[in-house]
Amino acid sequence: MISGVFKSVSPVDNVEILPLCLKNRKNILKNSQKRLRTRLFISVALGRERERERERER
């Protein structure tokens, strides 16, 4: 199934319709969620590691 995405172009009168496959959109969203979870996991892990280092220094 194909849907359209509106992309505004300057000046506002011109609007370009970009075709977008819904399946690809879902895959893009899923991949974005995976990357976000990975970054979150890494930042939490780094934060814990920093806390451990501070505890060792005390």
PDB file of N, CA and C in Angstrom:
ATOM      1  N   MET A   1       0.852  -1.177   0.000  1.00  0.00           N
ATOM      2  CA  MET A   1       0.000   0.000   0.000  1.00  0.00           C
ATOM      3  C   MET A   1       0.895   1.236   0.000  1.00  0.00           C
ATOM      4  N   ILE A   2       0.522   2.208  -0.780  1.00  0.00           N
ATOM      5  CA  ILE A   2       1.296   3.441  -0.882  1.00  0.00           C
ATOM      6  C   ILE A   2       0.513   4.575  -0.244  1.00  0.00           C
ATOM      7  N   SER A   3       1.193   5.381   0.532  1.00  0.00           N
ATOM      8  CA  SER A   3       0.564   6.571   1.095  1.00  0.00           C
ATOM      9  C   SER A   3       1.396   7.768   0.672  1.00  0.00           C
ATOM     10  N   GLY A   4       0.877   8.948   0.912  1.00  0.00           N
ATOM     11  CA  GLY A   4       1.611  10.150   0.542  1.00  0.00           C
ATOM     12  C   GLY A   4       2.048  10.910   1.766  1.00  0.00           C
ATOM     13  N   VAL A   5       3.193  11.518   1.683  1.00  0.00           N
ATOM     14  CA  VAL A   5       3.693  12.357   2.757  1.00  0.00           C
ATOM     15  C   VAL A   5       3.863  13.748   2.179  1.00  0.00           C
ATOM     16  N   PHE A   6       3.367  14.735   2.880  1.00  0.00           N
ATOM     17  CA  PHE A   6       3.478  16.103   2.399  1.00  0.00           C
ATOM     18  C   PHE A   6       4.771  16.721   2.905  1.00  0.00           C
ATOM     19  N   LYS A   7       5.504  17.263   1.984  1.00  0.00           N
ATOM     20  CA  LYS A   7       6.754  17.932   2.325  1.00  0.00           C
ATOM     21  C   LYS A   7       6.601  19.383   1.889  1.00  0.00           C
ATOM     22  N   SER A   8       6.631  20.283   2.829  1.00  0.00           N
ATOM     23  CA  SER A   8       6.475  21.689   2.459  1.00  0.00           C
ATOM     24  C   SER A   8       7.770  22.202   1.856  1.00  0.00           C
ATOM     25  N   VAL A   9       7.618  22.954   0.805  1.00  0.00           N
ATOM     26  CA  VAL A   9       8.758  23.525   0.101  1.00  0.00           C
ATOM     27  C   VAL A   9       8.542  25.025   0.049  1.00  0.00           C
ATOM     28  N   SER A  10       9.596  25.788   0.203  1.00  0.00           N
ATOM     29  CA  SER A  10       9.470  27.241   0.156  1.00  0.00           C
ATOM     30  C   SER A  10       9.258  27.688  -1.283  1.00  0.00           C
ATOM     31  N   PRO A  11       8.383  28.577  -1.597  1.00  0.00           N
ATOM     32  CA  PRO A  11       7.366  29.205  -0.761  1.00  0.00           C
ATOM     33  C   PRO A  11       6.260  28.232  -0.389  1.00  0.00           C
ATOM     34  N   VAL A  12       5.436  28.620   0.550  1.00  0.00           N
ATOM     35  CA  VAL A  12       4.427  27.735   1.130  1.00  0.00           C
ATOM     36  C   VAL A  12       3.432  27.231   0.095  1.00  0.00           C
ATOM     37  N   ASP A  13       3.251  27.959  -1.013  1.00  0.00           N
ATOM     38  CA  ASP A  13       2.285  27.550  -2.045  1.00  0.00           C
ATOM     39  C   ASP A  13       2.625  26.176  -2.616  1.00  0.00           C
ATOM     40  N   ASN A  14       3.902  25.885  -2.730  1.00  0.00           N
ATOM     41  CA  ASN A  14       4.326  24.622  -3.338  1.00  0.00           C
ATOM     42  C   ASN A  14       4.372  23.515  -2.296  1.00  0.00           C
ATOM     43  N   VAL A  15       3.670  22.435  -2.575  1.00  0.00           N
ATOM     44  CA  VAL A  15       3.713  21.270  -1.698  1.00  0.00           C
ATOM     45  C   VAL A  15       4.063  20.073  -2.555  1.00  0.00           C
ATOM     46  N   GLU A  16       5.058  19.351  -2.137  1.00  0.00           N
ATOM     47  CA  GLU A  16       5.515  18.176  -2.872  1.00  0.00           C
ATOM     48  C   GLU A  16       5.010  16.937  -2.142  1.00  0.00           C
ATOM     49  N   ILE A  17       4.434  15.992  -2.877  1.00  0.00           N
ATOM     50  CA  ILE A  17       3.953  14.754  -2.265  1.00  0.00           C
ATOM     51  C   ILE A  17       4.998  13.675  -2.518  1.00  0.00           C
ATOM     52  N   LEU A  18       5.497  13.128  -1.441  1.00  0.00           N
ATOM     53  CA  LEU A  18       6.499  12.076  -1.548  1.00  0.00           C
ATOM     54  C   LEU A  18       5.839  10.727  -1.325  1.00  0.00           C
ATOM     55  N   PRO A  19       5.948   9.803  -2.270  1.00  0.00           N
ATOM     56  CA  PRO A  19       5.377   8.479  -2.052  1.00  0.00           C
ATOM     57  C   PRO A  19       6.164   7.749  -0.967  1.00  0.00           C
ATOM     58  N   LEU A  20       5.452   7.030  -0.126  1.00  0.00           N
ATOM     59  CA  LEU A  20       6.107   6.316   0.965  1.00  0.00           C
ATOM     60  C   LEU A  20       5.383   5.000   1.182  1.00  0.00           C
ATOM     61  N   CYS A  21       6.100   3.924   1.136  1.00  0.00           N
ATOM     62  CA  CYS A  21       5.509   2.613   1.379  1.00  0.00           C
ATOM     63  C   CYS A  21       5.331   2.448   2.886  1.00  0.00           C
ATOM     64  N   LEU A  22       4.138   2.070   3.311  1.00  0.00           N
ATOM     65  CA  LEU A  22       3.863   1.929   4.740  1.00  0.00           C
ATOM     66  C   LEU A  22       4.741   0.865   5.376  1.00  0.00           C
ATOM     67  N   LYS A  23       5.036  -0.193   4.634  1.00  0.00           N
ATOM     68  CA  LYS A  23       5.887  -1.246   5.178  1.00  0.00           C
ATOM     69  C   LYS A  23       7.278  -0.688   5.479  1.00  0.00           C
ATOM     70  N   ASN A  24       7.821   0.079   4.547  1.00  0.00           N
ATOM     71  CA  ASN A  24       9.138   0.684   4.769  1.00  0.00           C
ATOM     72  C   ASN A  24       9.094   1.647   5.937  1.00  0.00           C
ATOM     73  N   ARG A  25       7.987   2.371   6.064  1.00  0.00           N
ATOM     74  CA  ARG A  25       7.851   3.325   7.167  1.00  0.00           C
ATOM     75  C   ARG A  25       7.889   2.586   8.499  1.00  0.00           C
ATOM     76  N   LYS A  26       7.187   1.453   8.563  1.00  0.00           N
ATOM     77  CA  LYS A  26       7.198   0.673   9.803  1.00  0.00           C
ATOM     78  C   LYS A  26       8.607   0.185  10.110  1.00  0.00           C
ATOM     79  N   ASN A  27       9.324  -0.261   9.078  1.00  0.00           N
ATOM     80  CA  ASN A  27      10.699  -0.727   9.283  1.00  0.00           C
ATOM     81  C   ASN A  27      11.591   0.407   9.765  1.00  0.00           C
ATOM     82  N   ILE A  28      11.407   1.593   9.190  1.00  0.00           N
ATOM     83  CA  ILE A  28      12.204   2.750   9.606  1.00  0.00           C
ATOM     84  C   ILE A  28      11.928   3.064  11.065  1.00  0.00           C
ATOM     85  N   LEU A  29      10.647   3.052  11.449  1.00  0.00           N
ATOM     86  CA  LEU A  29      10.290   3.337  12.837  1.00  0.00           C
ATOM     87  C   LEU A  29      10.855   2.282  13.775  1.00  0.00           C
ATOM     88  N   LYS A  30      10.772   1.020  13.359  1.00  0.00           N
ATOM     89  CA  LYS A  30      11.283  -0.071  14.189  1.00  0.00           C
ATOM     90  C   LYS A  30      12.793   0.064  14.381  1.00  0.00           C
ATOM     91  N   ASN A  31      13.501   0.377  13.297  1.00  0.00           N
ATOM     92  CA  ASN A  31      14.956   0.548  13.388  1.00  0.00           C
ATOM     93  C   ASN A  31      15.314   1.741  14.262  1.00  0.00           C
ATOM     94  N   SER A  32      14.531   2.812  14.165  1.00  0.00           N
ATOM     95  CA  SER A  32      14.786   3.988  14.998  1.00  0.00           C
ATOM     96  C   SER A  32      14.609   3.642  16.466  1.00  0.00           C
ATOM     97  N   GLN A  33      13.577   2.860  16.768  1.00  0.00           N
ATOM     98  CA  GLN A  33      13.341   2.451  18.153  1.00  0.00           C
ATOM     99  C   GLN A  33      14.492   1.598  18.661  1.00  0.00           C
ATOM    100  N   LYS A  34      14.995   0.694  17.822  1.00  0.00           N
ATOM    101  CA  LYS A  34      16.123  -0.153  18.225  1.00  0.00           C
ATOM    102  C   LYS A  34      17.351   0.696  18.526  1.00  0.00           C
ATOM    103  N   ARG A  35      17.641   1.667  17.637  1.00  0.00           N
ATOM    104  CA  ARG A  35      18.804   2.533  17.859  1.00  0.00           C
ATOM    105  C   ARG A  35      18.647   3.332  19.142  1.00  0.00           C
ATOM    106  N   LEU A  36      17.431   3.838  19.382  1.00  0.00           N
ATOM    107  CA  LEU A  36      17.189   4.626  20.587  1.00  0.00           C
ATOM    108  C   LEU A  36      17.382   3.774  21.836  1.00  0.00           C
ATOM    109  N   ARG A  37      16.840   2.536  21.816  1.00  0.00           N
ATOM    110  CA  ARG A  37      17.012   1.635  22.960  1.00  0.00           C
ATOM    111  C   ARG A  37      18.483   1.321  23.186  1.00  0.00           C
ATOM    112  N   THR A  38      19.230   1.108  22.106  1.00  0.00           N
ATOM    113  CA  THR A  38      20.657   0.806  22.225  1.00  0.00           C
ATOM    114  C   THR A  38      21.398   1.980  22.843  1.00  0.00           C
ATOM    115  N   ARG A  39      21.111   3.189  22.363  1.00  0.00           N
ATOM    116  CA  ARG A  39      21.767   4.379  22.921  1.00  0.00           C
ATOM    117  C   ARG A  39      21.416   4.557  24.385  1.00  0.00           C
ATOM    118  N   LEU A  40      20.151   4.319  24.721  1.00  0.00           N
ATOM    119  CA  LEU A  40      19.718   4.449  26.107  1.00  0.00           C
ATOM    120  C   LEU A  40      20.445   3.435  26.980  1.00  0.00           C
ATOM    121  N   PHE A  41      20.537   2.189  26.509  1.00  0.00           N
ATOM    122  CA  PHE A  41      21.223   1.140  27.246  1.00  0.00           C
ATOM    123  C   PHE A  41      22.686   1.511  27.473  1.00  0.00           C
ATOM    124  N   ILE A  42      23.337   2.020  26.416  1.00  0.00           N
ATOM    125  CA  ILE A  42      24.748   2.392  26.527  1.00  0.00           C
ATOM    126  C   ILE A  42      24.929   3.524  27.526  1.00  0.00           C
ATOM    127  N   SER A  43      24.048   4.536  27.458  1.00  0.00           N
ATOM    128  CA  SER A  43      24.202   5.669  28.377  1.00  0.00           C
ATOM    129  C   SER A  43      23.956   5.248  29.819  1.00  0.00           C
ATOM    130  N   VAL A  44      23.004   4.338  30.044  1.00  0.00           N
ATOM    131  CA  VAL A  44      22.755   3.840  31.403  1.00  0.00           C
ATOM    132  C   VAL A  44      23.961   3.043  31.886  1.00  0.00           C
ATOM    133  N   ALA A  45      24.504   2.198  31.009  1.00  0.00           N
ATOM    134  CA  ALA A  45      25.673   1.396  31.376  1.00  0.00           C
ATOM    135  C   ALA A  45      26.868   2.292  31.696  1.00  0.00           C
ATOM    136  N   LEU A  46      27.068   3.340  30.900  1.00  0.00           N
ATOM    137  CA  LEU A  46      28.181   4.259  31.165  1.00  0.00           C
ATOM    138  C   LEU A  46      27.974   4.997  32.479  1.00  0.00           C
ATOM    139  N   GLY A  47      26.743   5.380  32.753  1.00  0.00           N
ATOM    140  CA  GLY A  47      26.444   6.057  34.016  1.00  0.00           C
ATOM    141  C   GLY A  47      26.735   5.163  35.203  1.00  0.00           C
ATOM    142  N   ARG A  48      26.380   3.893  35.103  1.00  0.00           N
ATOM    143  CA  ARG A  48      26.657   2.949  36.194  1.00  0.00           C
ATOM    144  C   ARG A  48      28.153   2.752  36.372  1.00  0.00           C
ATOM    145  N   GLU A  49      28.866   2.682  35.250  1.00  0.00           N
ATOM    146  CA  GLU A  49      30.319   2.512  35.318  1.00  0.00           C
ATOM    147  C   GLU A  49      30.961   3.717  35.998  1.00  0.00           C
ATOM    148  N   ARG A  50      30.495   4.909  35.692  1.00  0.00           N
ATOM    149  CA  ARG A  50      31.032   6.118  36.335  1.00  0.00           C
ATOM    150  C   ARG A  50      30.749   6.103  37.829  1.00  0.00           C
ATOM    151  N   GLU A  51      29.549   5.653  38.208  1.00  0.00           N
ATOM    152  CA  GLU A  51      29.210   5.566  39.634  1.00  0.00           C
ATOM    153  C   GLU A  51      30.140   4.593  40.347  1.00  0.00           C
ATOM    154  N   ARG A  52      30.425   3.455  39.719  1.00  0.00           N
ATOM    155  CA  ARG A  52      31.338   2.469  40.314  1.00  0.00           C
ATOM    156  C   ARG A  52      32.734   3.055  40.487  1.00  0.00           C
ATOM    157  N   GLU A  53      33.195   3.801  39.478  1.00  0.00           N
ATOM    158  CA  GLU A  53      34.521   4.421  39.574  1.00  0.00           C
ATOM    159  C   GLU A  53      34.567   5.424  40.721  1.00  0.00           C
ATOM    160  N   ARG A  54      33.519   6.193  40.900  1.00  0.00           N
ATOM    161  CA  ARG A  54      33.465   7.159  42.004  1.00  0.00           C
ATOM    162  C   ARG A  54      33.486   6.449  43.349  1.00  0.00           C
ATOM    163  N   GLU A  55      32.771   5.330  43.435  1.00  0.00           N
ATOM    164  CA  GLU A  55      32.756   4.553  44.678  1.00  0.00           C
ATOM    165  C   GLU A  55      34.153   4.011  44.983  1.00  0.00           C
ATOM    166  N   ARG A  56      34.864   3.558  43.954  1.00  0.00           N
ATOM    167  CA  ARG A  56      36.217   3.029  44.145  1.00  0.00           C
ATOM    168  C   ARG A  56      37.172   4.114  44.626  1.00  0.00           C
ATOM    169  N   GLU A  57      36.966   5.343  44.135  1.00  0.00           N
ATOM    170  CA  GLU A  57      37.844   6.451  44.518  1.00  0.00           C
ATOM    171  C   GLU A  57      37.647   6.843  45.976  1.00  0.00           C
ATOM    172  N   ARG A  58      36.489   6.599  46.526  1.00  0.00           N
ATOM    173  CA  ARG A  58      36.207   6.986  47.920  1.00  0.00           C
ATOM    174  C   ARG A  58      36.870   6.054  48.843  1.00  0.00           C
TER     175      ARG A  58
END
